[in-house]
Amino acid sequence: MNYHLVLVTKYRHKCINNNLSSSLYQIILNICSLWKVTLNQFNHDKDHIHLLLEFTPNIGPDKFINNLKTVSFRLLRKKYSTYLYKYYWKPYFWSRSYCLISTGGASIDIIKKYIQNQNK
């Protein structure tokens, strides 16, 4: 099953720069590998990221997303603590909410193009 996932930074702070995004991409790839989830597309804007993910039926997207948000922030905080402290003085990075859309109604190519055109 394919899903389009959007994660937004807490308070929509515009803190995702290219360096942080590169690290975030690698972190997400590692987490996806551990969960046996395929990351088909990744892009970001300054206050959110877009992921196109492919899950097997035995993986609960909610558990994966909670783990992704927790682990990614923990690792980002280790590497970018000084930078992130400008935006977050408490241990937050992601908003509590997220947007998860199944891609059954649109072709994967259309969704990939949409994600690629983010941040333009």
N, C-alpha and C. Protein backbone atom coordinates (compact mmCIF):
# COMPACT_ATOMS: atom_id res chain seq x y z
N MET A 1 0.84 -1.17 0.00
CA MET A 1 0.00 0.00 0.00
C MET A 1 0.89 1.24 0.00
N ASN A 2 0.58 2.20 -0.85
CA ASN A 2 1.36 3.44 -0.95
C ASN A 2 0.64 4.58 -0.22
N TYR A 3 1.44 5.38 0.48
CA TYR A 3 0.91 6.51 1.23
C TYR A 3 1.75 7.75 0.98
N HIS A 4 1.09 8.89 0.98
CA HIS A 4 1.75 10.19 0.96
C HIS A 4 1.67 10.72 2.38
N LEU A 5 2.81 10.92 3.01
CA LEU A 5 2.88 11.39 4.40
C LEU A 5 3.46 12.79 4.42
N VAL A 6 2.80 13.68 5.16
CA VAL A 6 3.30 15.04 5.36
C VAL A 6 3.49 15.24 6.86
N LEU A 7 4.71 15.60 7.25
CA LEU A 7 5.02 15.93 8.64
C LEU A 7 5.37 17.40 8.71
N VAL A 8 4.81 18.08 9.69
CA VAL A 8 4.97 19.52 9.84
C VAL A 8 5.75 19.80 11.12
N THR A 9 6.62 20.79 11.07
CA THR A 9 7.36 21.16 12.27
C THR A 9 6.42 21.80 13.30
N LYS A 10 6.78 21.65 14.55
CA LYS A 10 5.99 22.23 15.64
C LYS A 10 5.92 23.74 15.44
N TYR A 11 4.74 24.29 15.60
CA TYR A 11 4.46 25.72 15.42
C TYR A 11 4.78 26.21 14.00
N ARG A 12 4.98 25.29 13.10
CA ARG A 12 5.33 25.58 11.69
C ARG A 12 6.55 26.49 11.58
N HIS A 13 7.47 26.32 12.52
CA HIS A 13 8.74 27.07 12.43
C HIS A 13 9.46 26.66 11.16
N LYS A 14 9.99 27.63 10.47
CA LYS A 14 10.68 27.39 9.19
C LYS A 14 12.16 27.09 9.46
N CYS A 15 12.41 25.89 9.95
CA CYS A 15 13.76 25.54 10.39
C CYS A 15 14.41 24.43 9.57
N ILE A 16 13.73 23.90 8.57
CA ILE A 16 14.32 22.83 7.77
C ILE A 16 15.12 23.45 6.62
N ASN A 17 16.41 23.51 6.82
CA ASN A 17 17.30 24.01 5.77
C ASN A 17 17.87 22.82 5.00
N ASN A 18 18.72 23.07 4.03
CA ASN A 18 19.24 21.98 3.20
C ASN A 18 20.12 21.00 3.99
N ASN A 19 20.92 21.50 4.92
CA ASN A 19 21.76 20.61 5.72
C ASN A 19 20.92 19.70 6.59
N LEU A 20 19.97 20.28 7.28
CA LEU A 20 19.09 19.49 8.14
C LEU A 20 18.29 18.50 7.30
N SER A 21 17.83 18.93 6.14
CA SER A 21 17.07 18.06 5.25
C SER A 21 17.90 16.86 4.79
N SER A 22 19.16 17.08 4.47
CA SER A 22 20.02 15.97 4.05
C SER A 22 20.18 14.94 5.15
N SER A 23 20.40 15.42 6.36
CA SER A 23 20.49 14.51 7.50
C SER A 23 19.18 13.79 7.74
N LEU A 24 18.11 14.54 7.66
CA LEU A 24 16.78 13.97 7.86
C LEU A 24 16.49 12.88 6.84
N TYR A 25 16.86 13.12 5.60
CA TYR A 25 16.67 12.12 4.55
C TYR A 25 17.40 10.82 4.89
N GLN A 26 18.65 10.92 5.32
CA GLN A 26 19.42 9.72 5.68
C GLN A 26 18.81 9.00 6.88
N ILE A 27 18.36 9.77 7.86
CA ILE A 27 17.72 9.18 9.04
C ILE A 27 16.47 8.43 8.63
N ILE A 28 15.66 9.04 7.79
CA ILE A 28 14.41 8.42 7.36
C ILE A 28 14.69 7.16 6.54
N LEU A 29 15.70 7.20 5.68
CA LEU A 29 16.08 5.99 4.93
C LEU A 29 16.43 4.85 5.88
N ASN A 30 17.19 5.15 6.92
CA ASN A 30 17.58 4.11 7.89
C ASN A 30 16.37 3.56 8.63
N ILE A 31 15.49 4.44 9.05
CA ILE A 31 14.29 3.99 9.77
C ILE A 31 13.42 3.14 8.85
N CYS A 32 13.25 3.58 7.61
CA CYS A 32 12.46 2.80 6.65
C CYS A 32 13.06 1.42 6.45
N SER A 33 14.37 1.35 6.36
CA SER A 33 15.04 0.07 6.18
C SER A 33 14.76 -0.87 7.36
N LEU A 34 14.83 -0.34 8.57
CA LEU A 34 14.56 -1.16 9.76
C LEU A 34 13.12 -1.67 9.79
N TRP A 35 12.20 -0.88 9.32
CA TRP A 35 10.78 -1.24 9.33
C TRP A 35 10.35 -1.97 8.05
N LYS A 36 11.26 -2.12 7.12
CA LYS A 36 10.93 -2.74 5.82
C LYS A 36 9.86 -1.94 5.08
N VAL A 37 10.01 -0.62 5.13
CA VAL A 37 9.14 0.32 4.42
C VAL A 37 9.98 0.93 3.30
N THR A 38 9.39 1.09 2.13
CA THR A 38 10.11 1.67 0.99
C THR A 38 9.83 3.16 0.91
N LEU A 39 10.91 3.95 0.88
CA LEU A 39 10.79 5.39 0.68
C LEU A 39 10.94 5.66 -0.81
N ASN A 40 9.85 6.00 -1.48
CA ASN A 40 9.87 6.23 -2.93
C ASN A 40 10.16 7.67 -3.31
N GLN A 41 9.88 8.60 -2.41
CA GLN A 41 10.11 10.02 -2.72
C GLN A 41 10.23 10.79 -1.41
N PHE A 42 11.10 11.80 -1.44
CA PHE A 42 11.29 12.67 -0.27
C PHE A 42 11.51 14.09 -0.79
N ASN A 43 10.88 15.05 -0.14
CA ASN A 43 11.18 16.45 -0.41
C ASN A 43 10.77 17.25 0.82
N HIS A 44 11.21 18.49 0.86
CA HIS A 44 10.93 19.32 2.03
C HIS A 44 10.67 20.75 1.61
N ASP A 45 10.01 21.44 2.49
CA ASP A 45 9.95 22.89 2.46
C ASP A 45 10.52 23.33 3.80
N LYS A 46 10.46 24.58 4.12
CA LYS A 46 11.11 25.05 5.34
C LYS A 46 10.39 24.60 6.61
N ASP A 47 9.11 24.26 6.50
CA ASP A 47 8.37 23.89 7.71
C ASP A 47 7.66 22.54 7.61
N HIS A 48 7.95 21.76 6.58
CA HIS A 48 7.33 20.43 6.47
C HIS A 48 8.10 19.55 5.49
N ILE A 49 7.83 18.24 5.59
CA ILE A 49 8.42 17.30 4.64
C ILE A 49 7.31 16.46 4.00
N HIS A 50 7.59 15.98 2.81
CA HIS A 50 6.69 15.08 2.09
C HIS A 50 7.42 13.76 1.88
N LEU A 51 6.74 12.66 2.15
CA LEU A 51 7.29 11.34 1.92
C LEU A 51 6.28 10.52 1.12
N LEU A 52 6.76 9.77 0.16
CA LEU A 52 5.93 8.78 -0.52
C LEU A 52 6.45 7.43 -0.07
N LEU A 53 5.62 6.71 0.67
CA LEU A 53 6.03 5.48 1.33
C LEU A 53 5.23 4.29 0.83
N GLU A 54 5.88 3.14 0.81
CA GLU A 54 5.20 1.90 0.46
C GLU A 54 5.31 0.95 1.64
N PHE A 55 4.15 0.58 2.19
CA PHE A 55 4.07 -0.30 3.35
C PHE A 55 3.63 -1.70 2.93
N THR A 56 4.10 -2.69 3.65
CA THR A 56 3.52 -4.02 3.51
C THR A 56 2.31 -4.07 4.44
N PRO A 57 1.36 -4.96 4.18
CA PRO A 57 0.12 -4.97 4.97
C PRO A 57 0.30 -5.24 6.47
N ASN A 58 1.42 -5.85 6.86
CA ASN A 58 1.60 -6.18 8.27
C ASN A 58 2.18 -5.03 9.10
N ILE A 59 2.41 -3.88 8.50
CA ILE A 59 2.98 -2.73 9.22
C ILE A 59 1.89 -1.70 9.46
N GLY A 60 1.71 -1.34 10.72
CA GLY A 60 0.75 -0.30 11.06
C GLY A 60 1.36 1.07 10.81
N PRO A 61 0.81 1.85 9.87
CA PRO A 61 1.38 3.17 9.58
C PRO A 61 1.49 4.06 10.82
N ASP A 62 0.53 3.99 11.73
CA ASP A 62 0.57 4.85 12.91
C ASP A 62 1.78 4.57 13.79
N LYS A 63 2.09 3.30 13.99
CA LYS A 63 3.26 2.94 14.81
C LYS A 63 4.56 3.37 14.11
N PHE A 64 4.62 3.16 12.81
CA PHE A 64 5.80 3.58 12.04
C PHE A 64 5.99 5.09 12.13
N ILE A 65 4.92 5.85 11.93
CA ILE A 65 5.02 7.31 11.94
C ILE A 65 5.45 7.82 13.31
N ASN A 66 4.88 7.27 14.37
CA ASN A 66 5.29 7.69 15.72
C ASN A 66 6.77 7.41 15.95
N ASN A 67 7.24 6.24 15.52
CA ASN A 67 8.65 5.90 15.65
C ASN A 67 9.52 6.83 14.80
N LEU A 68 9.08 7.09 13.58
CA LEU A 68 9.81 7.97 12.67
C LEU A 68 9.97 9.37 13.28
N LYS A 69 8.91 9.91 13.82
CA LYS A 69 8.97 11.24 14.41
C LYS A 69 9.87 11.27 15.64
N THR A 70 9.76 10.26 16.49
CA THR A 70 10.55 10.22 17.72
C THR A 70 12.04 10.06 17.42
N VAL A 71 12.37 9.07 16.61
CA VAL A 71 13.78 8.78 16.33
C VAL A 71 14.42 9.89 15.51
N SER A 72 13.71 10.39 14.51
CA SER A 72 14.30 11.44 13.67
C SER A 72 14.60 12.68 14.51
N PHE A 73 13.68 13.06 15.39
CA PHE A 73 13.96 14.24 16.20
C PHE A 73 15.12 14.01 17.16
N ARG A 74 15.16 12.83 17.78
CA ARG A 74 16.24 12.54 18.72
C ARG A 74 17.60 12.65 18.02
N LEU A 75 17.71 12.10 16.82
CA LEU A 75 18.98 12.15 16.09
C LEU A 75 19.30 13.55 15.56
N LEU A 76 18.28 14.26 15.12
CA LEU A 76 18.50 15.65 14.68
C LEU A 76 18.95 16.53 15.84
N ARG A 77 18.33 16.32 16.99
CA ARG A 77 18.68 17.12 18.16
C ARG A 77 20.14 16.90 18.57
N LYS A 78 20.61 15.65 18.44
CA LYS A 78 22.02 15.38 18.74
C LYS A 78 22.95 16.16 17.82
N LYS A 79 22.63 16.16 16.55
CA LYS A 79 23.53 16.76 15.56
C LYS A 79 23.37 18.27 15.43
N TYR A 80 22.15 18.77 15.60
CA TYR A 80 21.87 20.19 15.36
C TYR A 80 21.31 20.90 16.59
N SER A 81 21.76 20.52 17.76
CA SER A 81 21.17 21.07 18.99
C SER A 81 21.26 22.59 19.06
N THR A 82 22.41 23.15 18.72
CA THR A 82 22.57 24.60 18.78
C THR A 82 21.64 25.29 17.79
N TYR A 83 21.59 24.78 16.59
CA TYR A 83 20.72 25.37 15.56
C TYR A 83 19.24 25.26 15.96
N LEU A 84 18.82 24.08 16.41
CA LEU A 84 17.41 23.88 16.74
C LEU A 84 16.98 24.64 17.99
N TYR A 85 17.93 24.92 18.87
CA TYR A 85 17.59 25.65 20.09
C TYR A 85 17.05 27.05 19.77
N LYS A 86 17.40 27.60 18.63
CA LYS A 86 16.86 28.91 18.22
C LYS A 86 15.35 28.85 18.03
N TYR A 87 14.87 27.67 17.67
CA TYR A 87 13.44 27.50 17.37
C TYR A 87 12.68 26.80 18.49
N TYR A 88 13.35 25.86 19.15
CA TYR A 88 12.67 25.03 20.16
C TYR A 88 13.53 24.93 21.41
N TRP A 89 13.06 25.46 22.50
CA TRP A 89 13.80 25.37 23.74
C TRP A 89 13.34 24.16 24.55
N LYS A 90 12.24 23.54 24.13
CA LYS A 90 11.77 22.29 24.73
C LYS A 90 12.02 21.17 23.73
N PRO A 91 11.94 19.92 24.17
CA PRO A 91 12.26 18.81 23.26
C PRO A 91 11.15 18.53 22.24
N TYR A 92 10.96 19.46 21.33
CA TYR A 92 9.97 19.31 20.27
C TYR A 92 10.63 19.53 18.92
N PHE A 93 10.06 18.93 17.92
CA PHE A 93 10.43 19.27 16.54
C PHE A 93 9.22 19.13 15.64
N TRP A 94 8.58 17.96 15.69
CA TRP A 94 7.41 17.71 14.85
C TRP A 94 6.13 18.11 15.56
N SER A 95 5.17 18.55 14.78
CA SER A 95 3.82 18.77 15.30
C SER A 95 3.26 17.42 15.73
N ARG A 96 2.31 17.44 16.64
CA ARG A 96 1.70 16.18 17.09
C ARG A 96 0.90 15.52 15.97
N SER A 97 0.40 16.30 15.06
CA SER A 97 -0.43 15.76 13.99
C SER A 97 0.41 15.41 12.76
N TYR A 98 -0.22 14.73 11.84
CA TYR A 98 0.40 14.43 10.55
C TYR A 98 -0.72 14.20 9.54
N CYS A 99 -0.37 14.26 8.27
CA CYS A 99 -1.33 14.00 7.20
C CYS A 99 -0.87 12.75 6.47
N LEU A 100 -1.71 11.74 6.45
CA LEU A 100 -1.41 10.48 5.76
C LEU A 100 -2.53 10.20 4.79
N ILE A 101 -2.18 10.12 3.51
CA ILE A 101 -3.18 9.93 2.46
C ILE A 101 -2.82 8.68 1.68
N SER A 102 -3.76 7.76 1.56
CA SER A 102 -3.50 6.60 0.71
C SER A 102 -3.53 7.07 -0.74
N THR A 103 -2.72 6.44 -1.56
CA THR A 103 -2.55 6.93 -2.93
C THR A 103 -3.38 6.15 -3.94
N GLY A 104 -4.40 5.49 -3.50
CA GLY A 104 -5.21 4.67 -4.41
C GLY A 104 -5.88 5.44 -5.52
N GLY A 105 -6.21 6.72 -5.30
CA GLY A 105 -6.95 7.48 -6.29
C GLY A 105 -6.10 8.16 -7.34
N ALA A 106 -4.79 8.20 -7.15
CA ALA A 106 -3.91 8.88 -8.10
C ALA A 106 -2.73 7.97 -8.43
N SER A 107 -2.18 8.15 -9.61
CA SER A 107 -1.03 7.31 -9.97
C SER A 107 0.20 7.75 -9.17
N ILE A 108 1.11 6.82 -8.97
CA ILE A 108 2.33 7.10 -8.22
C ILE A 108 3.14 8.19 -8.91
N ASP A 109 3.17 8.19 -10.23
CA ASP A 109 3.93 9.21 -10.97
C ASP A 109 3.42 10.62 -10.70
N ILE A 110 2.11 10.78 -10.62
CA ILE A 110 1.52 12.10 -10.33
C ILE A 110 1.92 12.56 -8.93
N ILE A 111 1.88 11.65 -7.97
CA ILE A 111 2.23 12.00 -6.60
C ILE A 111 3.73 12.32 -6.50
N LYS A 112 4.56 11.54 -7.20
CA LYS A 112 6.00 11.83 -7.21
C LYS A 112 6.27 13.22 -7.76
N LYS A 113 5.61 13.59 -8.85
CA LYS A 113 5.79 14.92 -9.44
C LYS A 113 5.35 16.01 -8.46
N TYR A 114 4.23 15.77 -7.77
CA TYR A 114 3.75 16.74 -6.79
C TYR A 114 4.80 16.95 -5.70
N ILE A 115 5.34 15.86 -5.19
CA ILE A 115 6.33 15.95 -4.12
C ILE A 115 7.62 16.61 -4.64
N GLN A 116 8.03 16.27 -5.85
CA GLN A 116 9.24 16.87 -6.42
C GLN A 116 9.09 18.38 -6.58
N ASN A 117 7.89 18.85 -6.83
CA ASN A 117 7.66 20.28 -7.05
C ASN A 117 7.50 21.08 -5.76
N GLN A 118 7.58 20.42 -4.61
CA GLN A 118 7.57 21.15 -3.35
C GLN A 118 8.87 21.92 -3.23
N ASN A 119 8.86 23.00 -2.51
CA ASN A 119 10.05 23.82 -2.27
C ASN A 119 10.50 24.54 -3.54
N LYS A 120 9.60 24.76 -4.49
CA LYS A 120 9.94 25.51 -5.71
C LYS A 120 9.13 26.76 -5.78
